[in-house]
């Protein structure tokens, strides 16, 4: 007799296409050079949340948020750095 295993299908949340750091007061994004820029296209795209958080904490950045941008028509997710600390 053959036994069939059933697997539960889980839906994984989509990964962000871009992960950015934005200053709340300036409304600008952190660039690869460490300066604040207006356009998200010229901002540094972090590879993961841990890297973005470590960069913010290591540079002593305050009043910033992490922006998770998804492909398609999904809305951006905004995470204030104060919510993580």
Protein backbone atom coordinates (compact mmCIF):
# COMPACT_ATOMS: atom_id res chain seq x y z
CA UNK A 1 0.00 0.00 0.00
CA UNK A 2 1.37 3.40 -1.01
CA UNK A 3 1.18 6.27 1.40
CA UNK A 4 0.67 9.72 -0.06
CA UNK A 5 2.05 12.70 1.80
CA UNK A 6 0.16 15.93 1.72
CA UNK A 7 2.03 19.15 1.81
CA UNK A 8 0.52 22.30 2.99
CA UNK A 9 0.98 25.02 0.42
CA UNK A 10 2.07 28.24 2.03
CA UNK A 11 2.10 31.57 0.36
CA UNK A 12 5.32 33.43 0.87
CA UNK A 13 5.12 37.17 1.02
CA UNK A 14 6.77 38.83 -1.97
CA UNK A 15 10.30 40.11 -1.51
CA UNK A 16 10.80 43.82 -1.98
CA UNK A 17 12.28 44.90 -5.31
CA UNK A 18 14.04 47.79 -3.55
CA UNK A 19 15.01 48.54 0.02
CA UNK A 20 15.82 52.18 0.66
CA UNK A 21 16.52 54.50 3.61
CA UNK A 22 14.68 57.84 3.62
CA UNK A 23 15.07 60.79 5.95
CA UNK A 24 11.67 61.77 7.33
CA UNK A 25 12.30 65.53 7.60
CA UNK A 26 14.30 66.00 4.39
CA UNK A 27 12.15 63.54 2.37
CA UNK A 28 15.39 62.41 0.70
CA UNK A 29 17.01 59.02 0.22
CA UNK A 30 20.43 57.80 1.31
CA UNK A 31 22.82 57.49 -1.64
CA UNK A 32 25.74 55.06 -2.08
CA UNK A 33 28.08 57.99 -1.26
CA UNK A 34 26.28 58.60 2.06
CA UNK A 35 24.60 61.83 0.95
CA UNK A 36 20.88 62.55 0.79
CA UNK A 37 19.36 62.60 -2.71
CA UNK A 38 15.88 63.46 -3.98
CA UNK A 39 15.41 60.63 -6.45
CA UNK A 40 14.92 57.05 -5.32
CA UNK A 41 16.57 55.87 -8.55
CA UNK A 42 19.91 57.32 -7.40
CA UNK A 43 19.57 56.04 -3.83
CA UNK A 44 21.43 53.06 -2.43
CA UNK A 45 19.44 49.84 -2.74
CA UNK A 46 20.21 47.73 0.31
CA UNK A 47 20.44 43.95 -0.17
CA UNK A 48 18.48 43.13 3.01
CA UNK A 49 16.89 44.61 6.13
CA UNK A 50 19.78 43.74 8.42
CA UNK A 51 22.24 45.62 6.21
CA UNK A 52 19.97 48.67 6.09
CA UNK A 53 19.43 48.68 9.86
CA UNK A 54 23.14 48.22 10.61
CA UNK A 55 24.00 51.10 8.27
CA UNK A 56 21.51 53.41 9.96
CA UNK A 57 22.65 52.50 13.45
CA UNK A 58 26.35 52.57 12.54
CA UNK A 59 26.05 56.06 11.05
CA UNK A 60 23.91 57.28 13.95
CA UNK A 61 21.06 58.20 11.61
CA UNK A 62 17.94 59.49 13.28
CA UNK A 63 14.55 60.47 11.90
CA UNK A 64 14.78 57.89 9.11
CA UNK A 65 12.55 55.15 7.78
CA UNK A 66 13.10 52.03 5.72
CA UNK A 67 11.15 51.92 2.46
CA UNK A 68 10.30 48.53 0.97
CA UNK A 69 9.24 48.89 -2.66
CA UNK A 70 7.53 46.04 -4.44
CA UNK A 71 7.02 45.39 -8.12
CA UNK A 72 3.66 45.83 -9.73
CA UNK A 73 0.94 47.90 -8.15
CA UNK A 74 1.70 46.94 -4.55
CA UNK A 75 2.06 49.81 -2.13
CA UNK A 76 5.38 50.69 -0.51
CA UNK A 77 5.89 49.61 3.09
CA UNK A 78 7.36 52.19 5.43
CA UNK A 79 9.10 51.15 8.65
CA UNK A 80 10.34 53.94 10.94
CA UNK A 81 13.72 53.07 12.39
CA UNK A 82 12.37 53.89 15.86
CA UNK A 83 9.94 50.96 15.49
CA UNK A 84 12.91 48.58 15.21
CA UNK A 85 15.15 49.89 17.97
